[in-house]
Amino acid sequence: MAIKRPENCNFFLWETARGLSILAHPLLVPIYLLLYMLYFSSSPWSKLPMEFKSMVLLYISLGTSLIPLLWMGICVLLRVVTDIEMPSKAERFWPLLLSCITSFVTGAIAQYRWELSESLIGIVFGTFSVLLAALIITPFWKISIHSMGLGALLCFTITVGRHLNIDVGMGLYCIVFLSGLVGWARLYLIAHDVYQIIIGYMVGFTCMHCTLLIL
C-alpha cells in the first residue's frame, strides 16, 4: 500500500514532497528534456520547423512517457499496483516491463523510419536502458527510479552539450538543484534510503552514458 503520512510529519512538507515526486516522476523526464532541447535551448534541434518539432515531441512523448503512464494507470485500476508511485518493489514488475517494451518499440521505429539525430534517438533508448536496469534490479532491491531518471538527465545534458557545443551551464545547475530536492522528497516520504537514491543516480547516469556511446 502507499505510504501514509506519519502523524509527527508536517502536513505542508509532506504534501510538498509528494508534489515534487509527482512532478519529477521518471516517466515525465523525457518530456521535460524534449521541451527544453526543442524549444528553449540553442541546440540545432530548436531551429527545426515548428511542425516537425511538434510531431517529434508528440511521438517520442507518447512512446516514452504517456503510453507508459497509461500502462501504469491501468495497473492501478486492475489493482496490480496500489499507487502510481509503486511503493513496494513487488508492484514494479509489470509497469516496468510494459514501459520497457513501449520505449524500445518507439526507439526502433524512430530510428528506422525517421531521419532523427542520434541525440534525439538517445532520449528514447536512454529511457529504455534506465527502465530495463530498474526492471532487472528491482526484484532484488528497491532502487530509486526517480534518481535514475535524474541521473540519466544529467548525463544526457552534459554529453549532448559537449557534442553539440552548446552552453548548458544553467541547465546543469537546475538539474543538480532539482536532484537534491527530489532526493530530499523521497527520503522525507520514507520511500527510499540514502543508498538507494545515490546508487540510483549513478546507475541512471551510467545507463544513459552507455546508450549514447553505443549510438
C-alpha atoms as a PDB file:
ATOM      1  CA  MET A   1       0.000   0.000   0.000  1.00  0.00           C
ATOM      2  CA  ALA A   2       1.012   3.635  -0.475  1.00  0.00           C
ATOM      3  CA  ILE A   3       2.883   5.102   2.467  1.00  0.00           C
ATOM      4  CA  LYS A   4       0.624   7.226   4.654  1.00  0.00           C
ATOM      5  CA  ARG A   5       1.773  10.410   6.323  1.00  0.00           C
ATOM      6  CA  PRO A   6       3.043   9.718   9.845  1.00  0.00           C
ATOM      7  CA  GLU A   7       1.290  11.800  12.490  1.00  0.00           C
ATOM      8  CA  ASN A   8       4.521  13.516  13.506  1.00  0.00           C
ATOM      9  CA  CYS A   9       5.265  14.718   9.931  1.00  0.00           C
ATOM     10  CA  ASN A  10       4.471  18.275   8.883  1.00  0.00           C
ATOM     11  CA  PHE A  11       1.469  18.283   6.518  1.00  0.00           C
ATOM     12  CA  PHE A  12       2.881  21.051   4.279  1.00  0.00           C
ATOM     13  CA  LEU A  13       6.297  19.410   3.923  1.00  0.00           C
ATOM     14  CA  TRP A  14       4.719  16.009   3.276  1.00  0.00           C
ATOM     15  CA  GLU A  15       2.481  17.343   0.503  1.00  0.00           C
ATOM     16  CA  THR A  16       5.383  19.354  -0.945  1.00  0.00           C
ATOM     17  CA  ALA A  17       7.460  16.182  -1.065  1.00  0.00           C
ATOM     18  CA  ARG A  18       4.603  14.322  -2.747  1.00  0.00           C
ATOM     19  CA  GLY A  19       4.197  17.113  -5.289  1.00  0.00           C
ATOM     20  CA  LEU A  20       7.898  17.061  -6.112  1.00  0.00           C
ATOM     21  CA  SER A  21       7.810  13.284  -6.518  1.00  0.00           C
ATOM     22  CA  ILE A  22       4.899  13.509  -8.946  1.00  0.00           C
ATOM     23  CA  LEU A  23       6.361  16.384 -10.996  1.00  0.00           C
ATOM     24  CA  ALA A  24       9.753  14.637 -11.171  1.00  0.00           C
ATOM     25  CA  HIS A  25       8.259  11.245 -11.989  1.00  0.00           C
ATOM     26  CA  PRO A  26      10.856   9.411 -14.118  1.00  0.00           C
ATOM     27  CA  LEU A  27       8.376   8.874 -16.963  1.00  0.00           C
ATOM     28  CA  LEU A  28       7.884  12.651 -17.243  1.00  0.00           C
ATOM     29  CA  VAL A  29      11.612  13.394 -17.545  1.00  0.00           C
ATOM     30  CA  PRO A  30      11.769  12.671 -21.324  1.00  0.00           C
ATOM     31  CA  ILE A  31       9.001  15.232 -21.935  1.00  0.00           C
ATOM     32  CA  TYR A  32      10.838  17.922 -19.966  1.00  0.00           C
ATOM     33  CA  LEU A  33      14.056  17.137 -21.801  1.00  0.00           C
ATOM     34  CA  LEU A  34      12.391  17.280 -25.218  1.00  0.00           C
ATOM     35  CA  LEU A  35      10.633  20.559 -24.441  1.00  0.00           C
ATOM     36  CA  TYR A  36      13.913  22.135 -23.364  1.00  0.00           C
ATOM     37  CA  MET A  37      16.030  20.859 -26.266  1.00  0.00           C
ATOM     38  CA  LEU A  38      13.423  21.538 -28.979  1.00  0.00           C
ATOM     39  CA  TYR A  39      12.093  24.902 -27.841  1.00  0.00           C
ATOM     40  CA  PHE A  40      14.294  26.595 -25.245  1.00  0.00           C
ATOM     41  CA  SER A  41      17.913  25.606 -25.924  1.00  0.00           C
ATOM     42  CA  SER A  42      20.383  26.857 -28.524  1.00  0.00           C
ATOM     43  CA  SER A  43      20.740  23.348 -29.979  1.00  0.00           C
ATOM     44  CA  PRO A  44      20.295  22.646 -33.713  1.00  0.00           C
ATOM     45  CA  TRP A  45      17.001  20.951 -32.823  1.00  0.00           C
ATOM     46  CA  SER A  46      15.488  24.286 -31.816  1.00  0.00           C
ATOM     47  CA  LYS A  47      15.953  25.521 -35.404  1.00  0.00           C
ATOM     48  CA  LEU A  48      13.885  22.721 -36.925  1.00  0.00           C
ATOM     49  CA  PRO A  49      10.485  23.599 -38.479  1.00  0.00           C
ATOM     50  CA  MET A  50       7.787  24.011 -35.836  1.00  0.00           C
ATOM     51  CA  GLU A  51       5.548  21.355 -37.386  1.00  0.00           C
ATOM     52  CA  PHE A  52       8.354  18.788 -37.363  1.00  0.00           C
ATOM     53  CA  LYS A  53       9.296  19.627 -33.756  1.00  0.00           C
ATOM     54  CA  SER A  54       5.688  19.227 -32.653  1.00  0.00           C
ATOM     55  CA  MET A  55       5.482  15.835 -34.393  1.00  0.00           C
ATOM     56  CA  VAL A  56       8.733  14.658 -32.768  1.00  0.00           C
ATOM     57  CA  LEU A  57       7.589  15.874 -29.354  1.00  0.00           C
ATOM     58  CA  LEU A  58       4.236  14.118 -29.663  1.00  0.00           C
ATOM     59  CA  TYR A  59       5.644  10.825 -30.956  1.00  0.00           C
ATOM     60  CA  ILE A  60       8.520  10.471 -28.505  1.00  0.00           C
ATOM     61  CA  SER A  61       6.395  11.688 -25.580  1.00  0.00           C
ATOM     62  CA  LEU A  62       3.763   9.081 -26.404  1.00  0.00           C
ATOM     63  CA  GLY A  63       6.282   6.244 -26.533  1.00  0.00           C
ATOM     64  CA  THR A  64       8.467   7.158 -23.585  1.00  0.00           C
ATOM     65  CA  SER A  65       6.041   8.877 -21.221  1.00  0.00           C
ATOM     66  CA  LEU A  66       2.331   8.984 -21.982  1.00  0.00           C
ATOM     67  CA  ILE A  67       1.691   5.368 -23.008  1.00  0.00           C
ATOM     68  CA  PRO A  68       3.858   4.010 -20.136  1.00  0.00           C
ATOM     69  CA  LEU A  69       1.881   6.239 -17.751  1.00  0.00           C
ATOM     70  CA  LEU A  70      -1.291   4.802 -19.260  1.00  0.00           C
ATOM     71  CA  TRP A  71       0.030   1.276 -18.584  1.00  0.00           C
ATOM     72  CA  MET A  72       0.667   2.328 -15.009  1.00  0.00           C
ATOM     73  CA  GLY A  73      -2.835   3.750 -14.668  1.00  0.00           C
ATOM     74  CA  ILE A  74      -4.306   0.504 -16.000  1.00  0.00           C
ATOM     75  CA  CYS A  75      -2.213  -1.454 -13.494  1.00  0.00           C
ATOM     76  CA  VAL A  76      -3.619   0.752 -10.711  1.00  0.00           C
ATOM     77  CA  LEU A  77      -7.194   0.188 -11.932  1.00  0.00           C
ATOM     78  CA  LEU A  78      -6.596  -3.566 -12.096  1.00  0.00           C
ATOM     79  CA  ARG A  79      -5.034  -3.364  -8.620  1.00  0.00           C
ATOM     80  CA  VAL A  80      -1.771  -4.815  -9.865  1.00  0.00           C
ATOM     81  CA  VAL A  81      -0.219  -1.824  -8.091  1.00  0.00           C
ATOM     82  CA  THR A  82      -1.722   0.234  -5.282  1.00  0.00           C
ATOM     83  CA  ASP A  83      -0.339   3.639  -6.263  1.00  0.00           C
ATOM     84  CA  ILE A  84       1.246   5.319  -9.285  1.00  0.00           C
ATOM     85  CA  GLU A  85       4.462   5.729  -7.266  1.00  0.00           C
ATOM     86  CA  MET A  86       4.677   1.920  -6.904  1.00  0.00           C
ATOM     87  CA  PRO A  87       5.654   1.992  -3.214  1.00  0.00           C
ATOM     88  CA  SER A  88       6.747  -1.652  -2.989  1.00  0.00           C
ATOM     89  CA  LYS A  89       9.293  -3.332  -5.243  1.00  0.00           C
ATOM     90  CA  ALA A  90       6.934  -6.266  -5.876  1.00  0.00           C
ATOM     91  CA  GLU A  91       4.475  -3.926  -7.648  1.00  0.00           C
ATOM     92  CA  ARG A  92       7.002  -2.604 -10.132  1.00  0.00           C
ATOM     93  CA  PHE A  93       7.447  -5.606 -12.442  1.00  0.00           C
ATOM     94  CA  TRP A  94       4.514  -5.267 -14.843  1.00  0.00           C
ATOM     95  CA  PRO A  95       4.547  -1.452 -15.204  1.00  0.00           C
ATOM     96  CA  LEU A  96       8.306  -1.523 -15.821  1.00  0.00           C
ATOM     97  CA  LEU A  97       8.112  -4.422 -18.285  1.00  0.00           C
ATOM     98  CA  LEU A  98       5.330  -2.794 -20.319  1.00  0.00           C
ATOM     99  CA  SER A  99       7.154   0.550 -20.284  1.00  0.00           C
ATOM    100  CA  CYS A 100      10.380  -1.125 -21.462  1.00  0.00           C
ATOM    101  CA  ILE A 101       8.600  -2.733 -24.404  1.00  0.00           C
ATOM    102  CA  THR A 102       6.858   0.507 -25.386  1.00  0.00           C
ATOM    103  CA  SER A 103      10.007   2.648 -25.223  1.00  0.00           C
ATOM    104  CA  PHE A 104      12.060   0.098 -27.187  1.00  0.00           C
ATOM    105  CA  VAL A 105       9.459  -0.149 -29.964  1.00  0.00           C
ATOM    106  CA  THR A 106       9.259   3.653 -30.072  1.00  0.00           C
ATOM    107  CA  GLY A 107      13.030   3.921 -30.440  1.00  0.00           C
ATOM    108  CA  ALA A 108      13.195   1.228 -33.114  1.00  0.00           C
ATOM    109  CA  ILE A 109      10.503   2.903 -35.220  1.00  0.00           C
ATOM    110  CA  ALA A 110      12.074   6.346 -34.775  1.00  0.00           C
ATOM    111  CA  GLN A 111      15.494   5.029 -35.769  1.00  0.00           C
ATOM    112  CA  TYR A 112      14.466   3.160 -38.907  1.00  0.00           C
ATOM    113  CA  ARG A 113      11.514   5.212 -40.143  1.00  0.00           C
ATOM    114  CA  TRP A 114      12.534   8.793 -39.309  1.00  0.00           C
ATOM    115  CA  GLU A 115      15.700  10.751 -40.023  1.00  0.00           C
ATOM    116  CA  LEU A 116      16.263  11.819 -36.436  1.00  0.00           C
ATOM    117  CA  SER A 117      19.630  12.694 -34.953  1.00  0.00           C
ATOM    118  CA  GLU A 118      21.422  10.190 -32.750  1.00  0.00           C
ATOM    119  CA  SER A 119      20.909  12.516 -29.792  1.00  0.00           C
ATOM    120  CA  LEU A 120      17.138  12.507 -30.163  1.00  0.00           C
ATOM    121  CA  ILE A 121      17.150   8.738 -30.568  1.00  0.00           C
ATOM    122  CA  GLY A 122      19.337   8.685 -27.444  1.00  0.00           C
ATOM    123  CA  ILE A 123      16.473  10.102 -25.386  1.00  0.00           C
ATOM    124  CA  VAL A 124      14.294   7.135 -26.314  1.00  0.00           C
ATOM    125  CA  PHE A 125      16.865   4.380 -25.958  1.00  0.00           C
ATOM    126  CA  GLY A 126      18.299   6.053 -22.856  1.00  0.00           C
ATOM    127  CA  THR A 127      14.833   5.879 -21.310  1.00  0.00           C
ATOM    128  CA  PHE A 128      14.627   2.231 -22.333  1.00  0.00           C
ATOM    129  CA  SER A 129      18.014   1.406 -20.774  1.00  0.00           C
ATOM    130  CA  VAL A 130      17.064   3.086 -17.482  1.00  0.00           C
ATOM    131  CA  LEU A 131      13.745   1.216 -17.337  1.00  0.00           C
ATOM    132  CA  LEU A 132      15.461  -2.069 -18.219  1.00  0.00           C
ATOM    133  CA  ALA A 133      18.057  -1.573 -15.463  1.00  0.00           C
ATOM    134  CA  ALA A 134      15.260  -0.809 -12.997  1.00  0.00           C
ATOM    135  CA  LEU A 135      13.373  -3.921 -14.130  1.00  0.00           C
ATOM    136  CA  ILE A 136      16.450  -6.099 -13.536  1.00  0.00           C
ATOM    137  CA  ILE A 137      17.432  -4.562 -10.183  1.00  0.00           C
ATOM    138  CA  THR A 138      14.013  -4.051  -8.591  1.00  0.00           C
ATOM    139  CA  PRO A 139      13.194  -7.714  -7.751  1.00  0.00           C
ATOM    140  CA  PHE A 140      16.306  -7.760  -5.556  1.00  0.00           C
ATOM    141  CA  TRP A 141      16.482  -4.187  -4.267  1.00  0.00           C
ATOM    142  CA  LYS A 142      14.197  -1.145  -4.266  1.00  0.00           C
ATOM    143  CA  ILE A 143      16.436   1.249  -6.195  1.00  0.00           C
ATOM    144  CA  SER A 144      15.186   4.822  -6.627  1.00  0.00           C
ATOM    145  CA  ILE A 145      13.784   5.158 -10.147  1.00  0.00           C
ATOM    146  CA  HIS A 146      13.335   8.898  -9.571  1.00  0.00           C
ATOM    147  CA  SER A 147      17.082   9.202  -9.020  1.00  0.00           C
ATOM    148  CA  MET A 148      17.794   7.005 -12.024  1.00  0.00           C
ATOM    149  CA  GLY A 149      15.786   9.333 -14.249  1.00  0.00           C
ATOM    150  CA  LEU A 150      17.519  12.449 -12.954  1.00  0.00           C
ATOM    151  CA  GLY A 151      20.958  10.835 -13.237  1.00  0.00           C
ATOM    152  CA  ALA A 152      20.202   9.976 -16.861  1.00  0.00           C
ATOM    153  CA  LEU A 153      19.012  13.542 -17.444  1.00  0.00           C
ATOM    154  CA  LEU A 154      22.258  14.964 -16.072  1.00  0.00           C
ATOM    155  CA  CYS A 155      24.362  12.639 -18.226  1.00  0.00           C
ATOM    156  CA  PHE A 156      22.395  13.459 -21.375  1.00  0.00           C
ATOM    157  CA  THR A 157      22.696  17.199 -20.802  1.00  0.00           C
ATOM    158  CA  ILE A 158      26.452  17.041 -20.209  1.00  0.00           C
ATOM    159  CA  THR A 159      27.167  14.695 -23.136  1.00  0.00           C
ATOM    160  CA  VAL A 160      24.967  16.382 -25.720  1.00  0.00           C
ATOM    161  CA  GLY A 161      26.077  19.844 -24.569  1.00  0.00           C
ATOM    162  CA  ARG A 162      29.684  18.913 -25.289  1.00  0.00           C
ATOM    163  CA  HIS A 163      28.879  17.098 -28.519  1.00  0.00           C
ATOM    164  CA  LEU A 164      26.825  19.960 -29.963  1.00  0.00           C
ATOM    165  CA  ASN A 165      28.993  22.657 -28.370  1.00  0.00           C
ATOM    166  CA  ILE A 166      26.070  24.406 -26.669  1.00  0.00           C
ATOM    167  CA  ASP A 167      26.008  26.169 -23.317  1.00  0.00           C
ATOM    168  CA  VAL A 168      24.098  24.006 -20.840  1.00  0.00           C
ATOM    169  CA  GLY A 169      25.542  25.551 -17.683  1.00  0.00           C
ATOM    170  CA  MET A 170      22.269  26.890 -16.326  1.00  0.00           C
ATOM    171  CA  GLY A 171      20.526  23.642 -17.211  1.00  0.00           C
ATOM    172  CA  LEU A 172      23.113  21.653 -15.258  1.00  0.00           C
ATOM    173  CA  TYR A 173      22.669  23.850 -12.179  1.00  0.00           C
ATOM    174  CA  CYS A 174      18.895  23.388 -12.376  1.00  0.00           C
ATOM    175  CA  ILE A 175      19.207  19.596 -12.729  1.00  0.00           C
ATOM    176  CA  VAL A 176      21.580  19.318  -9.750  1.00  0.00           C
ATOM    177  CA  PHE A 177      19.286  21.548  -7.648  1.00  0.00           C
ATOM    178  CA  LEU A 178      16.211  19.540  -8.675  1.00  0.00           C
ATOM    179  CA  SER A 179      18.041  16.289  -7.928  1.00  0.00           C
ATOM    180  CA  GLY A 180      18.718  17.485  -4.396  1.00  0.00           C
ATOM    181  CA  LEU A 181      15.082  18.482  -3.896  1.00  0.00           C
ATOM    182  CA  VAL A 182      13.742  15.194  -5.226  1.00  0.00           C
ATOM    183  CA  GLY A 183      16.262  13.233  -3.163  1.00  0.00           C
ATOM    184  CA  TRP A 184      15.039  15.060  -0.057  1.00  0.00           C
ATOM    185  CA  ALA A 185      11.416  14.381  -1.071  1.00  0.00           C
ATOM    186  CA  ARG A 186      11.984  10.639  -1.467  1.00  0.00           C
ATOM    187  CA  LEU A 187      13.715  10.493   1.909  1.00  0.00           C
ATOM    188  CA  TYR A 188      11.007  12.567   3.608  1.00  0.00           C
ATOM    189  CA  LEU A 189       8.296  10.309   2.184  1.00  0.00           C
ATOM    190  CA  ILE A 190      10.207   7.295   3.552  1.00  0.00           C
ATOM    191  CA  ALA A 191      10.176   5.894   0.019  1.00  0.00           C
ATOM    192  CA  HIS A 192      13.913   5.196  -0.100  1.00  0.00           C
ATOM    193  CA  ASP A 193      17.086   5.376   1.931  1.00  0.00           C
ATOM    194  CA  VAL A 194      20.191   7.380   1.048  1.00  0.00           C
ATOM    195  CA  TYR A 195      21.962   4.457  -0.609  1.00  0.00           C
ATOM    196  CA  GLN A 196      19.019   3.690  -2.900  1.00  0.00           C
ATOM    197  CA  ILE A 197      18.938   7.322  -4.010  1.00  0.00           C
ATOM    198  CA  ILE A 198      22.689   7.742  -4.573  1.00  0.00           C
ATOM    199  CA  ILE A 199      23.151   4.413  -6.358  1.00  0.00           C
ATOM    200  CA  GLY A 200      20.025   5.066  -8.427  1.00  0.00           C
ATOM    201  CA  TYR A 201      21.557   8.339  -9.602  1.00  0.00           C
ATOM    202  CA  MET A 202      24.798   6.617 -10.538  1.00  0.00           C
ATOM    203  CA  VAL A 203      23.044   3.775 -12.354  1.00  0.00           C
ATOM    204  CA  GLY A 204      20.839   6.189 -14.327  1.00  0.00           C
ATOM    205  CA  PHE A 205      23.880   8.270 -15.301  1.00  0.00           C
ATOM    206  CA  THR A 206      25.754   5.136 -16.405  1.00  0.00           C
ATOM    207  CA  CYS A 207      22.811   3.755 -18.404  1.00  0.00           C
ATOM    208  CA  MET A 208      22.453   6.969 -20.377  1.00  0.00           C
ATOM    209  CA  HIS A 209      26.207   7.274 -20.886  1.00  0.00           C
ATOM    210  CA  CYS A 210      26.462   3.732 -22.278  1.00  0.00           C
ATOM    211  CA  THR A 211      23.444   4.308 -24.534  1.00  0.00           C
ATOM    212  CA  LEU A 212      24.925   7.457 -26.051  1.00  0.00           C
ATOM    213  CA  LEU A 213      28.268   5.717 -26.554  1.00  0.00           C
ATOM    214  CA  ILE A 214      26.610   2.850 -28.425  1.00  0.00           C
ATOM    215  CA  LEU A 215      24.590   5.192 -30.627  1.00  0.00           C
END
